[in-house]
Amino acid sequence: MDNPVAFVTHEETNDGWRSVVATGQLTEVSDMPYDATVVQAMWAVDIPEVDIFDRSPEDMQFRQFRLDPQKLTGRKEVKHDS
């Protein structure tokens, strides 16, 4: 894999934390037709916050990419009764 990327997401639950790491290649989808399946799926993604330090998100030009994962790994916290 040339120039692989990794995406990490995590969640805290009553049972402890869980995380997933996806490693693979990025494909730009910014110029794909609106009716393409991957573009339609992007509309279902909720991104609650964008933080770009000293710039407003409205002043930025965004490009969209799709991660084609070749490897998925996960971890979770195991809580033991005291």
N, C-alpha and C. Protein backbone atom coordinates (compact mmCIF):
# COMPACT_ATOMS: atom_id res chain seq x y z
N MET A 1 0.85 -1.18 0.00
CA MET A 1 0.00 0.00 0.00
C MET A 1 0.89 1.24 0.00
N ASP A 2 0.84 2.05 -1.04
CA ASP A 2 1.57 3.31 -1.07
C ASP A 2 0.77 4.37 -0.33
N ASN A 3 1.41 5.09 0.56
CA ASN A 3 0.80 6.19 1.31
C ASN A 3 -0.53 5.82 1.97
N PRO A 4 -0.54 4.81 2.84
CA PRO A 4 -1.79 4.47 3.52
C PRO A 4 -2.19 5.56 4.52
N VAL A 5 -3.47 5.63 4.80
CA VAL A 5 -3.98 6.56 5.81
C VAL A 5 -4.72 5.75 6.85
N ALA A 6 -4.93 6.35 8.01
CA ALA A 6 -5.67 5.68 9.08
C ALA A 6 -6.74 6.62 9.60
N PHE A 7 -7.88 6.06 9.93
CA PHE A 7 -9.00 6.79 10.52
C PHE A 7 -9.33 6.11 11.84
N VAL A 8 -9.44 6.91 12.89
CA VAL A 8 -9.73 6.37 14.22
C VAL A 8 -11.02 6.98 14.72
N THR A 9 -11.88 6.16 15.27
CA THR A 9 -13.08 6.66 15.93
C THR A 9 -13.24 5.93 17.25
N HIS A 10 -13.87 6.59 18.22
CA HIS A 10 -14.04 5.97 19.53
C HIS A 10 -15.36 6.40 20.13
N GLU A 11 -15.78 5.62 21.11
CA GLU A 11 -17.04 5.89 21.79
C GLU A 11 -16.92 5.46 23.24
N GLU A 12 -17.47 6.25 24.13
CA GLU A 12 -17.53 5.92 25.55
C GLU A 12 -18.93 5.41 25.86
N THR A 13 -19.03 4.23 26.46
CA THR A 13 -20.33 3.65 26.81
C THR A 13 -20.34 3.32 28.30
N ASN A 14 -21.45 2.83 28.78
CA ASN A 14 -21.52 2.40 30.19
C ASN A 14 -20.59 1.22 30.46
N ASP A 15 -20.28 0.46 29.42
CA ASP A 15 -19.40 -0.70 29.56
C ASP A 15 -17.93 -0.33 29.41
N GLY A 16 -17.61 0.93 29.13
CA GLY A 16 -16.23 1.37 28.89
C GLY A 16 -16.09 1.90 27.48
N TRP A 17 -14.87 2.18 27.07
CA TRP A 17 -14.64 2.75 25.74
C TRP A 17 -14.42 1.65 24.71
N ARG A 18 -14.66 2.02 23.47
CA ARG A 18 -14.42 1.15 22.31
C ARG A 18 -13.83 2.02 21.21
N SER A 19 -12.94 1.44 20.41
CA SER A 19 -12.37 2.19 19.30
C SER A 19 -12.17 1.29 18.10
N VAL A 20 -12.14 1.92 16.93
CA VAL A 20 -11.90 1.22 15.68
C VAL A 20 -10.87 2.03 14.89
N VAL A 21 -9.91 1.32 14.28
CA VAL A 21 -8.93 1.94 13.40
C VAL A 21 -9.08 1.30 12.03
N ALA A 22 -9.32 2.13 11.00
CA ALA A 22 -9.41 1.66 9.62
C ALA A 22 -8.19 2.21 8.88
N THR A 23 -7.45 1.32 8.23
CA THR A 23 -6.27 1.71 7.47
C THR A 23 -6.50 1.33 6.01
N GLY A 24 -6.18 2.26 5.10
CA GLY A 24 -6.37 1.98 3.69
C GLY A 24 -5.98 3.15 2.82
N GLN A 25 -6.61 3.26 1.67
CA GLN A 25 -6.32 4.31 0.69
C GLN A 25 -7.50 5.27 0.57
N LEU A 26 -7.19 6.52 0.28
CA LEU A 26 -8.23 7.52 0.04
C LEU A 26 -8.48 7.68 -1.45
N THR A 27 -9.76 7.85 -1.79
CA THR A 27 -10.16 8.16 -3.15
C THR A 27 -10.99 9.44 -3.09
N GLU A 28 -10.62 10.44 -3.88
CA GLU A 28 -11.38 11.69 -3.87
C GLU A 28 -12.73 11.48 -4.54
N VAL A 29 -13.77 11.97 -3.90
CA VAL A 29 -15.12 11.83 -4.45
C VAL A 29 -15.76 13.19 -4.74
N SER A 30 -15.01 14.26 -4.58
CA SER A 30 -15.55 15.62 -4.77
C SER A 30 -16.17 15.81 -6.15
N ASP A 31 -15.59 15.19 -7.18
CA ASP A 31 -16.08 15.39 -8.54
C ASP A 31 -16.98 14.28 -9.04
N MET A 32 -17.37 13.36 -8.18
CA MET A 32 -18.28 12.28 -8.60
C MET A 32 -19.67 12.85 -8.83
N PRO A 33 -20.45 12.22 -9.70
CA PRO A 33 -21.82 12.68 -9.94
C PRO A 33 -22.65 12.61 -8.66
N TYR A 34 -23.59 13.55 -8.53
CA TYR A 34 -24.44 13.63 -7.34
C TYR A 34 -25.17 12.32 -7.07
N ASP A 35 -25.58 11.60 -8.10
CA ASP A 35 -26.36 10.38 -7.90
C ASP A 35 -25.48 9.14 -7.66
N ALA A 36 -24.16 9.30 -7.58
CA ALA A 36 -23.29 8.16 -7.29
C ALA A 36 -23.58 7.64 -5.88
N THR A 37 -23.52 6.34 -5.70
CA THR A 37 -23.84 5.72 -4.42
C THR A 37 -22.99 6.28 -3.29
N VAL A 38 -21.70 6.45 -3.53
CA VAL A 38 -20.81 6.94 -2.47
C VAL A 38 -21.15 8.38 -2.08
N VAL A 39 -21.54 9.20 -3.04
CA VAL A 39 -21.92 10.58 -2.74
C VAL A 39 -23.22 10.60 -1.94
N GLN A 40 -24.18 9.78 -2.31
CA GLN A 40 -25.44 9.70 -1.57
C GLN A 40 -25.21 9.23 -0.13
N ALA A 41 -24.28 8.28 0.06
CA ALA A 41 -23.99 7.76 1.40
C ALA A 41 -23.36 8.84 2.28
N MET A 42 -22.63 9.76 1.68
CA MET A 42 -22.00 10.84 2.46
C MET A 42 -23.04 11.71 3.16
N TRP A 43 -24.22 11.85 2.58
CA TRP A 43 -25.26 12.69 3.17
C TRP A 43 -25.77 12.10 4.49
N ALA A 44 -25.54 10.81 4.72
CA ALA A 44 -25.99 10.17 5.95
C ALA A 44 -24.98 10.34 7.10
N VAL A 45 -23.82 10.89 6.80
CA VAL A 45 -22.77 11.07 7.81
C VAL A 45 -23.02 12.37 8.56
N ASP A 46 -23.01 12.30 9.89
CA ASP A 46 -23.20 13.48 10.73
C ASP A 46 -21.84 13.89 11.29
N ILE A 47 -21.36 15.07 10.88
CA ILE A 47 -20.12 15.61 11.42
C ILE A 47 -20.52 16.76 12.34
N PRO A 48 -20.48 16.53 13.65
CA PRO A 48 -21.03 17.51 14.59
C PRO A 48 -20.23 18.80 14.71
N GLU A 49 -18.93 18.75 14.41
CA GLU A 49 -18.11 19.93 14.65
C GLU A 49 -16.90 19.92 13.72
N VAL A 50 -16.56 21.08 13.21
CA VAL A 50 -15.35 21.24 12.42
C VAL A 50 -14.54 22.35 13.08
N ASP A 51 -13.30 22.05 13.46
CA ASP A 51 -12.44 23.01 14.13
C ASP A 51 -11.21 23.24 13.27
N ILE A 52 -11.02 24.46 12.80
CA ILE A 52 -9.93 24.77 11.88
C ILE A 52 -9.04 25.85 12.49
N PHE A 53 -8.90 25.86 13.79
CA PHE A 53 -8.06 26.80 14.52
C PHE A 53 -8.52 28.23 14.27
N ASP A 54 -7.73 29.06 13.61
CA ASP A 54 -8.02 30.49 13.50
C ASP A 54 -8.83 30.88 12.27
N ARG A 55 -9.48 29.91 11.63
CA ARG A 55 -10.26 30.22 10.43
C ARG A 55 -11.68 29.70 10.57
N SER A 56 -12.60 30.40 9.98
CA SER A 56 -13.99 29.99 9.97
C SER A 56 -14.18 28.89 8.93
N PRO A 57 -14.98 27.84 9.24
CA PRO A 57 -15.25 26.80 8.23
C PRO A 57 -15.82 27.37 6.93
N GLU A 58 -16.57 28.47 7.02
CA GLU A 58 -17.14 29.09 5.82
C GLU A 58 -16.06 29.65 4.89
N ASP A 59 -14.86 29.94 5.44
CA ASP A 59 -13.76 30.49 4.64
C ASP A 59 -12.90 29.39 4.01
N MET A 60 -13.21 28.15 4.26
CA MET A 60 -12.39 27.04 3.79
C MET A 60 -13.06 26.36 2.59
N GLN A 61 -12.24 25.80 1.73
CA GLN A 61 -12.75 24.98 0.63
C GLN A 61 -12.51 23.52 1.03
N PHE A 62 -13.56 22.74 1.10
CA PHE A 62 -13.46 21.34 1.52
C PHE A 62 -13.43 20.42 0.31
N ARG A 63 -12.71 19.33 0.43
CA ARG A 63 -12.71 18.25 -0.56
C ARG A 63 -13.18 16.99 0.16
N GLN A 64 -13.92 16.15 -0.53
CA GLN A 64 -14.44 14.93 0.06
C GLN A 64 -13.67 13.72 -0.45
N PHE A 65 -13.38 12.80 0.48
CA PHE A 65 -12.66 11.59 0.15
C PHE A 65 -13.39 10.39 0.73
N ARG A 66 -13.18 9.25 0.13
CA ARG A 66 -13.71 7.98 0.60
C ARG A 66 -12.53 7.11 1.02
N LEU A 67 -12.63 6.50 2.20
CA LEU A 67 -11.58 5.59 2.66
C LEU A 67 -11.96 4.18 2.24
N ASP A 68 -11.09 3.54 1.49
CA ASP A 68 -11.27 2.14 1.11
C ASP A 68 -10.42 1.33 2.09
N PRO A 69 -11.03 0.81 3.17
CA PRO A 69 -10.23 0.16 4.21
C PRO A 69 -9.71 -1.21 3.77
N GLN A 70 -8.41 -1.40 3.95
CA GLN A 70 -7.81 -2.71 3.71
C GLN A 70 -7.63 -3.47 5.03
N LYS A 71 -7.65 -2.74 6.15
CA LYS A 71 -7.45 -3.38 7.45
C LYS A 71 -8.29 -2.65 8.49
N LEU A 72 -9.04 -3.41 9.29
CA LEU A 72 -9.82 -2.87 10.40
C LEU A 72 -9.37 -3.54 11.69
N THR A 73 -9.12 -2.75 12.71
CA THR A 73 -8.80 -3.29 14.02
C THR A 73 -9.63 -2.55 15.05
N GLY A 74 -9.82 -3.16 16.20
CA GLY A 74 -10.60 -2.54 17.25
C GLY A 74 -10.09 -2.91 18.62
N ARG A 75 -10.43 -2.08 19.56
CA ARG A 75 -10.08 -2.33 20.95
C ARG A 75 -11.26 -1.91 21.81
N LYS A 76 -11.33 -2.51 22.99
CA LYS A 76 -12.35 -2.08 23.94
C LYS A 76 -11.83 -2.26 25.34
N GLU A 77 -12.36 -1.43 26.22
CA GLU A 77 -12.01 -1.51 27.63
C GLU A 77 -12.81 -2.63 28.26
N VAL A 78 -12.15 -3.42 29.09
CA VAL A 78 -12.84 -4.48 29.82
C VAL A 78 -12.82 -4.08 31.28
N LYS A 79 -13.99 -3.80 31.82
CA LYS A 79 -14.08 -3.42 33.23
C LYS A 79 -14.24 -4.65 34.08
N HIS A 80 -13.47 -4.72 35.14
CA HIS A 80 -13.55 -5.84 36.08
C HIS A 80 -14.27 -5.38 37.33
N ASP A 81 -15.07 -6.26 37.90
CA ASP A 81 -15.75 -5.94 39.16
C ASP A 81 -14.71 -5.85 40.27
N SER A 82 -14.86 -4.85 41.12
CA SER A 82 -13.90 -4.65 42.21
C SER A 82 -14.29 -5.47 43.43
